[in-house]
């Protein structure tokens, strides 16, 4: 099965094609440190056979967190706790990446007033953000750079820049939320400038042999926003700086999406085909038949299973046992699997 084939990107080799995507757990301390919950949460999925774990959105600044209980990576004191998670996942056979993020206008952190490319509120339940000055934009780019360096020190195998789900980078990319008239707004080239600057800043402090990629929302689900065609243009503008694209959708606006199993997979397939970059597909994918279809038909190179792996940390072990794939059941668990 392709599901259980190795996959190599740069210097990172995964034992299978299953990814645990980043999902905020809201279990960090108020100053952004991981708790015992995080160690159990991530190590159990590594023990369960997942090939790649991507740690939840981790703030590059206190005000860059979604809430006051999200992980942070804005100072060196936060490195040891993250390293313990990395070491535990490595010890149990998984590779591990970190998603670094700035929440922009969607931050509810009490750290300070939220910022955005333009003073446009997410909804009436959210605070009005301040429009970023050019000096502040430079400071945030520097914060991403520093966060990448700390992620490397903590031993992460790969790094994901969060440019999706309505957070700051996505806010710059979408014409719906970016109403600036300077060099960071207006044309597509200008709206991509912030992401380009982040990637350019991160690259010198992130080892060449370690993969670097972005998470994108390839549809805003509103006329005038990002769609699949526009996202292809965006990815083509920055693809020389990244190794892979993690393809999602939505999050920019408080609107309902008609989701269904595999609803985002066509977006992954389109970006993979038209940009020539490997992709991770995600979106209510729940069983091995779905995973195998996506991989066999070239719709993605890796498949992320969020809610399913939350429900069942040992999904990969169970799938391996079902298909007679050796090497997945830990010695201590063999009595439960009759192997």
C-alpha atoms as a PDB file:
ATOM      1  CA  UNK A   1       0.000   0.000   0.000  1.00  0.00           C
ATOM      2  CA  UNK A   2       1.201   3.489  -0.799  1.00  0.00           C
ATOM      3  CA  UNK A   3      -0.052   4.591   2.617  1.00  0.00           C
ATOM      4  CA  UNK A   4       2.798   2.665   4.228  1.00  0.00           C
ATOM      5  CA  UNK A   5       5.525   3.631   1.770  1.00  0.00           C
ATOM      6  CA  UNK A   6       8.372   5.826   2.968  1.00  0.00           C
ATOM      7  CA  UNK A   7       8.433   9.418   1.828  1.00  0.00           C
ATOM      8  CA  UNK A   8      11.493  11.644   1.691  1.00  0.00           C
ATOM      9  CA  UNK A   9      11.564  15.419   1.512  1.00  0.00           C
ATOM     10  CA  UNK A  10      14.967  17.093   1.810  1.00  0.00           C
ATOM     11  CA  UNK A  11      16.819  15.299   4.617  1.00  0.00           C
ATOM     12  CA  UNK A  12      13.653  14.031   6.338  1.00  0.00           C
ATOM     13  CA  UNK A  13      12.434  10.486   5.678  1.00  0.00           C
ATOM     14  CA  UNK A  14       8.977   9.521   6.909  1.00  0.00           C
ATOM     15  CA  UNK A  15       8.110   5.891   7.560  1.00  0.00           C
ATOM     16  CA  UNK A  16       4.612   6.314   6.085  1.00  0.00           C
ATOM     17  CA  UNK A  17       2.346   8.925   4.475  1.00  0.00           C
ATOM     18  CA  UNK A  18       0.128   9.680   7.511  1.00  0.00           C
ATOM     19  CA  UNK A  19       0.350  13.144   9.062  1.00  0.00           C
ATOM     20  CA  UNK A  20      -1.127  14.450  12.289  1.00  0.00           C
ATOM     21  CA  UNK A  21      -1.942  18.061  11.342  1.00  0.00           C
ATOM     22  CA  UNK A  22      -1.594  20.992  13.742  1.00  0.00           C
ATOM     23  CA  UNK A  23      -4.672  21.351  15.947  1.00  0.00           C
ATOM     24  CA  UNK A  24      -4.762  23.909  18.745  1.00  0.00           C
ATOM     25  CA  UNK A  25      -5.221  22.252  22.107  1.00  0.00           C
ATOM     26  CA  UNK A  26      -5.496  25.356  24.345  1.00  0.00           C
ATOM     27  CA  UNK A  27      -3.559  23.563  27.074  1.00  0.00           C
ATOM     28  CA  UNK A  28      -0.430  25.734  27.314  1.00  0.00           C
ATOM     29  CA  UNK A  29       0.379  27.846  30.340  1.00  0.00           C
ATOM     30  CA  UNK A  30      -0.533  31.531  30.213  1.00  0.00           C
ATOM     31  CA  UNK A  31       3.062  32.368  29.266  1.00  0.00           C
ATOM     32  CA  UNK A  32       3.121  29.932  26.336  1.00  0.00           C
ATOM     33  CA  UNK A  33       4.884  26.929  27.849  1.00  0.00           C
ATOM     34  CA  UNK A  34       3.782  23.365  27.018  1.00  0.00           C
ATOM     35  CA  UNK A  35       2.167  21.316  29.776  1.00  0.00           C
ATOM     36  CA  UNK A  36       2.223  17.603  30.594  1.00  0.00           C
ATOM     37  CA  UNK A  37      -0.839  17.345  28.354  1.00  0.00           C
ATOM     38  CA  UNK A  38       1.249  18.189  25.280  1.00  0.00           C
ATOM     39  CA  UNK A  39       3.860  15.550  26.066  1.00  0.00           C
ATOM     40  CA  UNK A  40       1.203  12.827  26.380  1.00  0.00           C
ATOM     41  CA  UNK A  41      -0.813  14.137  23.438  1.00  0.00           C
ATOM     42  CA  UNK A  42       1.986  14.138  20.889  1.00  0.00           C
ATOM     43  CA  UNK A  43       3.992  11.139  22.146  1.00  0.00           C
ATOM     44  CA  UNK A  44       0.891   8.920  22.059  1.00  0.00           C
ATOM     45  CA  UNK A  45       0.398   9.660  18.336  1.00  0.00           C
ATOM     46  CA  UNK A  46       4.060   8.874  17.700  1.00  0.00           C
ATOM     47  CA  UNK A  47       3.652   5.575  19.544  1.00  0.00           C
ATOM     48  CA  UNK A  48       0.503   5.018  17.502  1.00  0.00           C
ATOM     49  CA  UNK A  49       2.497   4.967  14.270  1.00  0.00           C
ATOM     50  CA  UNK A  50       1.907   8.378  12.661  1.00  0.00           C
ATOM     51  CA  UNK A  51       4.735   9.204  10.261  1.00  0.00           C
ATOM     52  CA  UNK A  52       4.758  12.966  10.759  1.00  0.00           C
ATOM     53  CA  UNK A  53       3.385  15.062  13.607  1.00  0.00           C
ATOM     54  CA  UNK A  54       2.938  18.805  13.146  1.00  0.00           C
ATOM     55  CA  UNK A  55       2.698  20.629  16.459  1.00  0.00           C
ATOM     56  CA  UNK A  56      -0.152  23.091  16.834  1.00  0.00           C
ATOM     57  CA  UNK A  57       0.019  26.789  15.887  1.00  0.00           C
ATOM     58  CA  UNK A  58       2.734  28.274  18.082  1.00  0.00           C
ATOM     59  CA  UNK A  59       2.870  32.033  18.526  1.00  0.00           C
ATOM     60  CA  UNK A  60       5.944  33.964  17.411  1.00  0.00           C
ATOM     61  CA  UNK A  61       4.885  36.739  19.809  1.00  0.00           C
ATOM     62  CA  UNK A  62       2.555  36.908  22.838  1.00  0.00           C
ATOM     63  CA  UNK A  63      -0.071  38.804  20.834  1.00  0.00           C
ATOM     64  CA  UNK A  64       0.451  36.334  17.982  1.00  0.00           C
ATOM     65  CA  UNK A  65      -1.357  33.564  19.839  1.00  0.00           C
ATOM     66  CA  UNK A  66      -4.988  32.758  19.210  1.00  0.00           C
ATOM     67  CA  UNK A  67      -5.667  32.614  22.963  1.00  0.00           C
ATOM     68  CA  UNK A  68      -3.786  32.960  26.221  1.00  0.00           C
ATOM     69  CA  UNK A  69      -3.463  29.168  26.379  1.00  0.00           C
ATOM     70  CA  UNK A  70      -1.672  28.582  23.080  1.00  0.00           C
ATOM     71  CA  UNK A  71       1.948  27.543  22.772  1.00  0.00           C
ATOM     72  CA  UNK A  72       4.611  30.208  22.267  1.00  0.00           C
ATOM     73  CA  UNK A  73       8.123  30.336  20.875  1.00  0.00           C
ATOM     74  CA  UNK A  74       9.068  33.976  21.430  1.00  0.00           C
ATOM     75  CA  UNK A  75      11.809  33.429  24.000  1.00  0.00           C
ATOM     76  CA  UNK A  76      14.589  30.936  24.642  1.00  0.00           C
ATOM     77  CA  UNK A  77      13.040  29.730  27.902  1.00  0.00           C
ATOM     78  CA  UNK A  78      10.304  28.040  25.865  1.00  0.00           C
ATOM     79  CA  UNK A  79      12.787  25.833  23.985  1.00  0.00           C
ATOM     80  CA  UNK A  80      13.371  23.071  26.605  1.00  0.00           C
ATOM     81  CA  UNK A  81       9.680  22.208  26.943  1.00  0.00           C
ATOM     82  CA  UNK A  82       9.299  21.927  23.189  1.00  0.00           C
ATOM     83  CA  UNK A  83      12.472  19.842  22.979  1.00  0.00           C
ATOM     84  CA  UNK A  84      11.012  17.323  25.435  1.00  0.00           C
ATOM     85  CA  UNK A  85       8.083  16.843  23.048  1.00  0.00           C
ATOM     86  CA  UNK A  86      10.447  16.455  20.086  1.00  0.00           C
ATOM     87  CA  UNK A  87      12.580  13.913  21.918  1.00  0.00           C
ATOM     88  CA  UNK A  88       9.537  11.879  23.005  1.00  0.00           C
ATOM     89  CA  UNK A  89       8.191  11.725  19.446  1.00  0.00           C
ATOM     90  CA  UNK A  90      11.582  10.762  18.035  1.00  0.00           C
ATOM     91  CA  UNK A  91      11.938   8.032  20.679  1.00  0.00           C
ATOM     92  CA  UNK A  92       8.617   6.580  19.517  1.00  0.00           C
ATOM     93  CA  UNK A  93       9.402   6.590  15.798  1.00  0.00           C
ATOM     94  CA  UNK A  94       7.821   9.770  14.404  1.00  0.00           C
ATOM     95  CA  UNK A  95       9.225  12.843  12.720  1.00  0.00           C
ATOM     96  CA  UNK A  96       7.949  16.139  14.071  1.00  0.00           C
ATOM     97  CA  UNK A  97       7.435  19.617  12.628  1.00  0.00           C
ATOM     98  CA  UNK A  98       6.431  22.894  14.242  1.00  0.00           C
ATOM     99  CA  UNK A  99       3.840  25.279  12.846  1.00  0.00           C
ATOM    100  CA  UNK A 100       4.726  28.886  13.677  1.00  0.00           C
ATOM    101  CA  UNK A 101       2.046  31.519  13.494  1.00  0.00           C
ATOM    102  CA  UNK A 102       0.817  35.032  14.152  1.00  0.00           C
ATOM    103  CA  UNK A 103      -2.944  35.155  14.710  1.00  0.00           C
ATOM    104  CA  UNK A 104      -3.387  38.732  13.483  1.00  0.00           C
ATOM    105  CA  UNK A 105      -6.933  40.041  13.870  1.00  0.00           C
ATOM    106  CA  UNK A 106      -8.180  36.681  15.187  1.00  0.00           C
ATOM    107  CA  UNK A 107      -6.057  36.856  18.342  1.00  0.00           C
ATOM    108  CA  UNK A 108      -8.051  36.926  21.571  1.00  0.00           C
ATOM    109  CA  UNK A 109      -4.884  37.019  23.684  1.00  0.00           C
ATOM    110  CA  UNK A 110      -4.859  39.583  26.466  1.00  0.00           C
ATOM    111  CA  UNK A 111      -1.223  40.425  25.639  1.00  0.00           C
ATOM    112  CA  UNK A 112      -2.149  43.549  23.688  1.00  0.00           C
ATOM    113  CA  UNK A 113      -4.412  44.945  20.993  1.00  0.00           C
ATOM    114  CA  UNK A 114      -4.500  42.664  17.909  1.00  0.00           C
ATOM    115  CA  UNK A 115      -2.848  43.751  14.657  1.00  0.00           C
ATOM    116  CA  UNK A 116      -3.810  43.199  11.037  1.00  0.00           C
ATOM    117  CA  UNK A 117      -2.840  44.446   7.570  1.00  0.00           C
ATOM    118  CA  UNK A 118      -5.933  46.665   7.714  1.00  0.00           C
ATOM    119  CA  UNK A 119      -8.317  47.749  10.458  1.00  0.00           C
ATOM    120  CA  UNK A 120     -11.021  45.224   9.557  1.00  0.00           C
ATOM    121  CA  UNK A 121     -12.610  43.224  12.363  1.00  0.00           C
ATOM    122  CA  UNK A 122     -13.167  39.461  11.989  1.00  0.00           C
ATOM    123  CA  UNK A 123     -16.667  39.693  13.479  1.00  0.00           C
ATOM    124  CA  UNK A 124     -18.606  41.676  16.072  1.00  0.00           C
ATOM    125  CA  UNK A 125     -17.339  39.229  18.711  1.00  0.00           C
ATOM    126  CA  UNK A 126     -13.705  40.196  18.026  1.00  0.00           C
ATOM    127  CA  UNK A 127     -11.783  43.367  18.823  1.00  0.00           C
ATOM    128  CA  UNK A 128     -10.986  45.891  16.125  1.00  0.00           C
ATOM    129  CA  UNK A 129      -7.365  45.342  15.059  1.00  0.00           C
ATOM    130  CA  UNK A 130      -4.823  48.105  14.599  1.00  0.00           C
ATOM    131  CA  UNK A 131      -3.395  48.471  11.098  1.00  0.00           C
ATOM    132  CA  UNK A 132       0.247  47.453  11.124  1.00  0.00           C
ATOM    133  CA  UNK A 133       2.887  50.060  10.407  1.00  0.00           C
ATOM    134  CA  UNK A 134       5.853  49.154   8.216  1.00  0.00           C
ATOM    135  CA  UNK A 135       8.053  49.142  11.301  1.00  0.00           C
ATOM    136  CA  UNK A 136       5.729  46.660  13.002  1.00  0.00           C
ATOM    137  CA  UNK A 137       5.675  44.467   9.892  1.00  0.00           C
ATOM    138  CA  UNK A 138       9.460  44.314  10.060  1.00  0.00           C
ATOM    139  CA  UNK A 139       9.300  43.381  13.739  1.00  0.00           C
ATOM    140  CA  UNK A 140       6.925  40.497  13.015  1.00  0.00           C
ATOM    141  CA  UNK A 141       9.155  39.226  10.198  1.00  0.00           C
ATOM    142  CA  UNK A 142      12.040  39.281  12.684  1.00  0.00           C
ATOM    143  CA  UNK A 143       9.873  37.373  15.190  1.00  0.00           C
ATOM    144  CA  UNK A 144       9.261  34.606  12.625  1.00  0.00           C
ATOM    145  CA  UNK A 145      13.010  34.435  11.996  1.00  0.00           C
ATOM    146  CA  UNK A 146      13.806  34.151  15.707  1.00  0.00           C
ATOM    147  CA  UNK A 147      11.083  31.524  16.154  1.00  0.00           C
ATOM    148  CA  UNK A 148      12.543  29.431  13.320  1.00  0.00           C
ATOM    149  CA  UNK A 149      15.957  29.523  14.958  1.00  0.00           C
ATOM    150  CA  UNK A 150      14.474  28.369  18.274  1.00  0.00           C
ATOM    151  CA  UNK A 151      12.552  25.588  16.511  1.00  0.00           C
ATOM    152  CA  UNK A 152      15.817  24.325  15.076  1.00  0.00           C
ATOM    153  CA  UNK A 153      17.475  24.447  18.496  1.00  0.00           C
ATOM    154  CA  UNK A 154      14.574  22.420  19.897  1.00  0.00           C
ATOM    155  CA  UNK A 155      15.309  19.740  17.291  1.00  0.00           C
ATOM    156  CA  UNK A 156      12.228  19.890  15.056  1.00  0.00           C
ATOM    157  CA  UNK A 157      12.640  18.019  11.774  1.00  0.00           C
ATOM    158  CA  UNK A 158      10.626  20.480   9.684  1.00  0.00           C
ATOM    159  CA  UNK A 159       8.978  23.882   9.890  1.00  0.00           C
ATOM    160  CA  UNK A 160       5.554  25.026   8.707  1.00  0.00           C
ATOM    161  CA  UNK A 161       4.695  28.707   8.230  1.00  0.00           C
ATOM    162  CA  UNK A 162       0.992  29.208   8.925  1.00  0.00           C
ATOM    163  CA  UNK A 163      -0.438  31.180   6.002  1.00  0.00           C
ATOM    164  CA  UNK A 164      -4.008  29.878   6.333  1.00  0.00           C
ATOM    165  CA  UNK A 165      -7.221  29.977   8.356  1.00  0.00           C
ATOM    166  CA  UNK A 166      -7.578  33.743   8.501  1.00  0.00           C
ATOM    167  CA  UNK A 167      -4.459  34.445  10.541  1.00  0.00           C
ATOM    168  CA  UNK A 168      -2.003  37.229   9.821  1.00  0.00           C
ATOM    169  CA  UNK A 169      -0.208  35.900   6.728  1.00  0.00           C
ATOM    170  CA  UNK A 170      -3.523  34.851   5.185  1.00  0.00           C
ATOM    171  CA  UNK A 171      -4.922  38.313   6.012  1.00  0.00           C
ATOM    172  CA  UNK A 172      -2.143  39.868   3.936  1.00  0.00           C
ATOM    173  CA  UNK A 173      -2.711  37.435   1.050  1.00  0.00           C
ATOM    174  CA  UNK A 174      -6.465  37.931   0.684  1.00  0.00           C
ATOM    175  CA  UNK A 175      -7.884  41.078  -0.975  1.00  0.00           C
ATOM    176  CA  UNK A 176     -10.863  40.799   1.374  1.00  0.00           C
ATOM    177  CA  UNK A 177      -8.795  41.614   4.471  1.00  0.00           C
ATOM    178  CA  UNK A 178      -5.862  43.471   2.907  1.00  0.00           C
ATOM    179  CA  UNK A 179      -6.970  46.988   1.975  1.00  0.00           C
ATOM    180  CA  UNK A 180      -3.566  48.619   2.183  1.00  0.00           C
ATOM    181  CA  UNK A 181      -2.405  51.103  -0.436  1.00  0.00           C
ATOM    182  CA  UNK A 182       1.340  50.767   0.178  1.00  0.00           C
ATOM    183  CA  UNK A 183       3.753  48.105  -1.132  1.00  0.00           C
ATOM    184  CA  UNK A 184       2.061  45.451   1.063  1.00  0.00           C
ATOM    185  CA  UNK A 185      -1.385  45.859  -0.513  1.00  0.00           C
ATOM    186  CA  UNK A 186      -3.224  46.155  -3.781  1.00  0.00           C
ATOM    187  CA  UNK A 187      -1.674  43.863  -6.394  1.00  0.00           C
ATOM    188  CA  UNK A 188      -1.150  40.159  -5.795  1.00  0.00           C
ATOM    189  CA  UNK A 189       2.601  40.691  -5.871  1.00  0.00           C
ATOM    190  CA  UNK A 190       2.277  43.279  -3.102  1.00  0.00           C
ATOM    191  CA  UNK A 191      -0.016  41.086  -0.994  1.00  0.00           C
ATOM    192  CA  UNK A 192       2.486  38.214  -1.208  1.00  0.00           C
ATOM    193  CA  UNK A 193       5.357  40.482  -0.114  1.00  0.00           C
ATOM    194  CA  UNK A 194       4.902  39.820   3.630  1.00  0.00           C
ATOM    195  CA  UNK A 195       5.056  36.038   3.134  1.00  0.00           C
ATOM    196  CA  UNK A 196       8.096  36.406   0.884  1.00  0.00           C
ATOM    197  CA  UNK A 197       9.861  38.474   3.538  1.00  0.00           C
ATOM    198  CA  UNK A 198       9.117  35.868   6.199  1.00  0.00           C
ATOM    199  CA  UNK A 199      10.485  33.049   4.031  1.00  0.00           C
ATOM    200  CA  UNK A 200      13.580  35.086   3.158  1.00  0.00           C
ATOM    201  CA  UNK A 201      14.193  35.814   6.840  1.00  0.00           C
ATOM    202  CA  UNK A 202      13.656  32.232   7.984  1.00  0.00           C
ATOM    203  CA  UNK A 203      15.803  30.515   5.370  1.00  0.00           C
ATOM    204  CA  UNK A 204      19.240  31.584   6.735  1.00  0.00           C
ATOM    205  CA  UNK A 205      18.453  30.294  10.244  1.00  0.00           C
ATOM    206  CA  UNK A 206      16.682  27.104   9.146  1.00  0.00           C
ATOM    207  CA  UNK A 207      19.075  24.355   7.953  1.00  0.00           C
ATOM    208  CA  UNK A 208      18.992  23.663   4.233  1.00  0.00           C
ATOM    209  CA  UNK A 209      18.582  19.928   4.785  1.00  0.00           C
ATOM    210  CA  UNK A 210      15.411  20.425   6.849  1.00  0.00           C
ATOM    211  CA  UNK A 211      12.101  20.915   4.997  1.00  0.00           C
ATOM    212  CA  UNK A 212      10.308  24.261   5.124  1.00  0.00           C
ATOM    213  CA  UNK A 213       6.732  24.606   3.950  1.00  0.00           C
ATOM    214  CA  UNK A 214       3.536  26.641   4.233  1.00  0.00           C
ATOM    215  CA  UNK A 215      -0.063  25.925   5.232  1.00  0.00           C
ATOM    216  CA  UNK A 216      -2.489  27.681   2.901  1.00  0.00           C
ATOM    217  CA  UNK A 217      -6.213  28.315   2.654  1.00  0.00           C
ATOM    218  CA  UNK A 218      -6.845  27.816  -1.047  1.00  0.00           C
ATOM    219  CA  UNK A 219     -10.419  29.155  -0.898  1.00  0.00           C
ATOM    220  CA  UNK A 220     -11.963  32.027   1.059  1.00  0.00           C
ATOM    221  CA  UNK A 221     -15.484  30.931   0.065  1.00  0.00           C
ATOM    222  CA  UNK A 222     -16.487  34.481  -0.844  1.00  0.00           C
ATOM    223  CA  UNK A 223     -16.505  36.273  -4.164  1.00  0.00           C
ATOM    224  CA  UNK A 224     -13.480  38.513  -4.537  1.00  0.00           C
ATOM    225  CA  UNK A 225     -11.371  36.392  -2.198  1.00  0.00           C
ATOM    226  CA  UNK A 226      -8.759  33.712  -2.753  1.00  0.00           C
ATOM    227  CA  UNK A 227      -9.793  30.773  -4.907  1.00  0.00           C
ATOM    228  CA  UNK A 228      -7.896  27.831  -6.345  1.00  0.00           C
ATOM    229  CA  UNK A 229      -6.609  29.808  -9.327  1.00  0.00           C
ATOM    230  CA  UNK A 230      -5.305  32.657  -7.178  1.00  0.00           C
ATOM    231  CA  UNK A 231      -3.652  30.245  -4.757  1.00  0.00           C
ATOM    232  CA  UNK A 232      -1.830  28.584  -7.650  1.00  0.00           C
ATOM    233  CA  UNK A 233      -0.464  32.018  -8.570  1.00  0.00           C
ATOM    234  CA  UNK A 234       0.573  32.668  -4.966  1.00  0.00           C
ATOM    235  CA  UNK A 235       2.354  29.331  -4.610  1.00  0.00           C
ATOM    236  CA  UNK A 236       4.105  29.784  -7.942  1.00  0.00           C
ATOM    237  CA  UNK A 237       5.453  33.114  -6.695  1.00  0.00           C
ATOM    238  CA  UNK A 238       7.124  31.563  -3.635  1.00  0.00           C
ATOM    239  CA  UNK A 239       7.659  27.919  -4.591  1.00  0.00           C
ATOM    240  CA  UNK A 240      11.423  28.249  -4.942  1.00  0.00           C
ATOM    241  CA  UNK A 241      11.548  29.030  -1.197  1.00  0.00           C
ATOM    242  CA  UNK A 242       9.463  26.070   0.032  1.00  0.00           C
ATOM    243  CA  UNK A 243       9.537  22.304  -0.159  1.00  0.00           C
ATOM    244  CA  UNK A 244       5.865  21.396   0.205  1.00  0.00           C
ATOM    245  CA  UNK A 245       2.358  22.903   0.492  1.00  0.00           C
ATOM    246  CA  UNK A 246      -0.139  21.893   3.189  1.00  0.00           C
ATOM    247  CA  UNK A 247      -3.511  22.625   1.591  1.00  0.00           C
ATOM    248  CA  UNK A 248      -6.550  23.707   3.583  1.00  0.00           C
ATOM    249  CA  UNK A 249      -9.307  26.279   3.047  1.00  0.00           C
ATOM    250  CA  UNK A 250     -11.516  28.822   4.805  1.00  0.00           C
ATOM    251  CA  UNK A 251     -11.041  30.560   8.141  1.00  0.00           C
ATOM    252  CA  UNK A 252     -10.807  34.112   6.830  1.00  0.00           C
ATOM    253  CA  UNK A 253     -14.479  34.911   7.383  1.00  0.00           C
ATOM    254  CA  UNK A 254     -17.089  33.752   9.912  1.00  0.00           C
ATOM    255  CA  UNK A 255     -19.140  31.862   7.339  1.00  0.00           C
ATOM    256  CA  UNK A 256     -20.386  28.280   7.172  1.00  0.00           C
ATOM    257  CA  UNK A 257     -18.611  25.951   4.770  1.00  0.00           C
ATOM    258  CA  UNK A 258     -20.318  22.977   3.161  1.00  0.00           C
ATOM    259  CA  UNK A 259     -17.729  20.447   4.220  1.00  0.00           C
ATOM    260  CA  UNK A 260     -17.774  16.706   3.562  1.00  0.00           C
ATOM    261  CA  UNK A 261     -15.168  13.905   3.599  1.00  0.00           C
ATOM    262  CA  UNK A 262     -12.299  14.908   1.332  1.00  0.00           C
ATOM    263  CA  UNK A 263     -13.785  18.300   0.415  1.00  0.00           C
ATOM    264  CA  UNK A 264     -10.376  20.002   0.282  1.00  0.00           C
ATOM    265  CA  UNK A 265      -8.557  17.262  -1.641  1.00  0.00           C
ATOM    266  CA  UNK A 266      -9.264  18.789  -5.107  1.00  0.00           C
ATOM    267  CA  UNK A 267      -7.457  21.948  -3.968  1.00  0.00           C
ATOM    268  CA  UNK A 268      -4.406  19.882  -3.011  1.00  0.00           C
ATOM    269  CA  UNK A 269      -4.562  18.071  -6.343  1.00  0.00           C
ATOM    270  CA  UNK A 270      -4.728  21.344  -8.272  1.00  0.00           C
ATOM    271  CA  UNK A 271      -1.745  22.894  -6.477  1.00  0.00           C
ATOM    272  CA  UNK A 272       0.294  19.707  -6.830  1.00  0.00           C
ATOM    273  CA  UNK A 273      -0.423  19.542 -10.565  1.00  0.00           C
ATOM    274  CA  UNK A 274      -0.136  23.214 -11.479  1.00  0.00           C
ATOM    275  CA  UNK A 275       2.681  24.274  -9.148  1.00  0.00           C
ATOM    276  CA  UNK A 276       4.801  21.141  -9.277  1.00  0.00           C
ATOM    277  CA  UNK A 277       5.204  20.990  -5.490  1.00  0.00           C
ATOM    278  CA  UNK A 278       4.446  18.087  -3.143  1.00  0.00           C
ATOM    279  CA  UNK A 279       1.298  18.560  -1.065  1.00  0.00           C
ATOM    280  CA  UNK A 280      -0.374  17.432   2.134  1.00  0.00           C
ATOM    281  CA  UNK A 281      -4.117  16.889   1.747  1.00  0.00           C
ATOM    282  CA  UNK A 282      -6.467  17.343   4.695  1.00  0.00           C
ATOM    283  CA  UNK A 283     -10.191  17.591   5.356  1.00  0.00           C
ATOM    284  CA  UNK A 284     -12.428  15.045   7.131  1.00  0.00           C
ATOM    285  CA  UNK A 285     -10.408  12.094   5.847  1.00  0.00           C
ATOM    286  CA  UNK A 286     -11.267   9.118   8.016  1.00  0.00           C
ATOM    287  CA  UNK A 287     -10.286   5.745   6.568  1.00  0.00           C
ATOM    288  CA  UNK A 288      -7.491   3.898   4.833  1.00  0.00           C
ATOM    289  CA  UNK A 289      -9.445   3.536   1.585  1.00  0.00           C
ATOM    290  CA  UNK A 290      -9.720   7.326   1.277  1.00  0.00           C
ATOM    291  CA  UNK A 291      -6.035   7.759   2.062  1.00  0.00           C
ATOM    292  CA  UNK A 292      -4.995   5.171  -0.505  1.00  0.00           C
ATOM    293  CA  UNK A 293      -7.203   6.674  -3.226  1.00  0.00           C
ATOM    294  CA  UNK A 294      -5.712  10.130  -2.670  1.00  0.00           C
ATOM    295  CA  UNK A 295      -2.151   8.817  -2.816  1.00  0.00           C
ATOM    296  CA  UNK A 296      -2.605   6.351  -5.694  1.00  0.00           C
ATOM    297  CA  UNK A 297      -4.276   8.993  -7.881  1.00  0.00           C
ATOM    298  CA  UNK A 298      -1.568  11.592  -7.255  1.00  0.00           C
ATOM    299  CA  UNK A 299      -3.861  14.004  -5.446  1.00  0.00           C
ATOM    300  CA  UNK A 300      -1.327  14.508  -2.630  1.00  0.00           C
ATOM    301  CA  UNK A 301       1.957  13.096  -1.384  1.00  0.00           C
ATOM    302  CA  UNK A 302       0.960  12.969   2.288  1.00  0.00           C
ATOM    303  CA  UNK A 303      -2.444  12.798   3.977  1.00  0.00           C
ATOM    304  CA  UNK A 304      -3.329  14.522   7.243  1.00  0.00           C
ATOM    305  CA  UNK A 305      -5.934  13.018   9.544  1.00  0.00           C
ATOM    306  CA  UNK A 306      -6.857  15.431  12.325  1.00  0.00           C
ATOM    307  CA  UNK A 307     -10.127  14.498  13.969  1.00  0.00           C
ATOM    308  CA  UNK A 308      -9.674  10.801  13.252  1.00  0.00           C
ATOM    309  CA  UNK A 309      -6.283  10.726  14.990  1.00  0.00           C
ATOM    310  CA  UNK A 310      -7.771  12.683  17.902  1.00  0.00           C
ATOM    311  CA  UNK A 311     -10.418   9.987  18.232  1.00  0.00           C
ATOM    312  CA  UNK A 312      -7.941   7.161  17.795  1.00  0.00           C
ATOM    313  CA  UNK A 313      -4.235   7.800  18.484  1.00  0.00           C
ATOM    314  CA  UNK A 314      -3.518   4.250  17.280  1.00  0.00           C
ATOM    315  CA  UNK A 315      -5.250   4.549  13.913  1.00  0.00           C
ATOM    316  CA  UNK A 316      -2.025   3.828  12.019  1.00  0.00           C
ATOM    317  CA  UNK A 317      -1.223   0.719  14.071  1.00  0.00           C
ATOM    318  CA  UNK A 318      -4.741  -0.590  13.466  1.00  0.00           C
ATOM    319  CA  UNK A 319      -4.501   0.075   9.715  1.00  0.00           C
ATOM    320  CA  UNK A 320      -1.120  -1.649   9.550  1.00  0.00           C
ATOM    321  CA  UNK A 321      -2.494  -4.687  11.395  1.00  0.00           C
ATOM    322  CA  UNK A 322      -5.523  -4.822   9.098  1.00  0.00           C
ATOM    323  CA  UNK A 323      -3.292  -4.955   6.020  1.00  0.00           C
ATOM    324  CA  UNK A 324      -0.584  -7.208   7.460  1.00  0.00           C
ATOM    325  CA  UNK A 325       2.113  -4.532   7.515  1.00  0.00           C
ATOM    326  CA  UNK A 326       4.848  -5.581   9.945  1.00  0.00           C
ATOM    327  CA  UNK A 327       6.795  -3.400  12.323  1.00  0.00           C
ATOM    328  CA  UNK A 328       4.055  -1.145  13.671  1.00  0.00           C
ATOM    329  CA  UNK A 329       2.757  -2.878  16.789  1.00  0.00           C
ATOM    330  CA  UNK A 330       4.967  -2.184  19.826  1.00  0.00           C
ATOM    331  CA  UNK A 331       6.107  -5.330  21.616  1.00  0.00           C
ATOM    332  CA  UNK A 332       4.046  -4.415  24.660  1.00  0.00           C
ATOM    333  CA  UNK A 333       0.860  -4.139  22.576  1.00  0.00           C
ATOM    334  CA  UNK A 334       1.170  -7.326  20.528  1.00  0.00           C
ATOM    335  CA  UNK A 335      -1.155  -9.306  22.792  1.00  0.00           C
ATOM    336  CA  UNK A 336      -3.970  -6.892  21.766  1.00  0.00           C
ATOM    337  CA  UNK A 337      -3.366  -7.423  18.048  1.00  0.00           C
ATOM    338  CA  UNK A 338      -2.677 -11.155  17.910  1.00  0.00           C
ATOM    339  CA  UNK A 339       0.673 -10.636  16.218  1.00  0.00           C
END
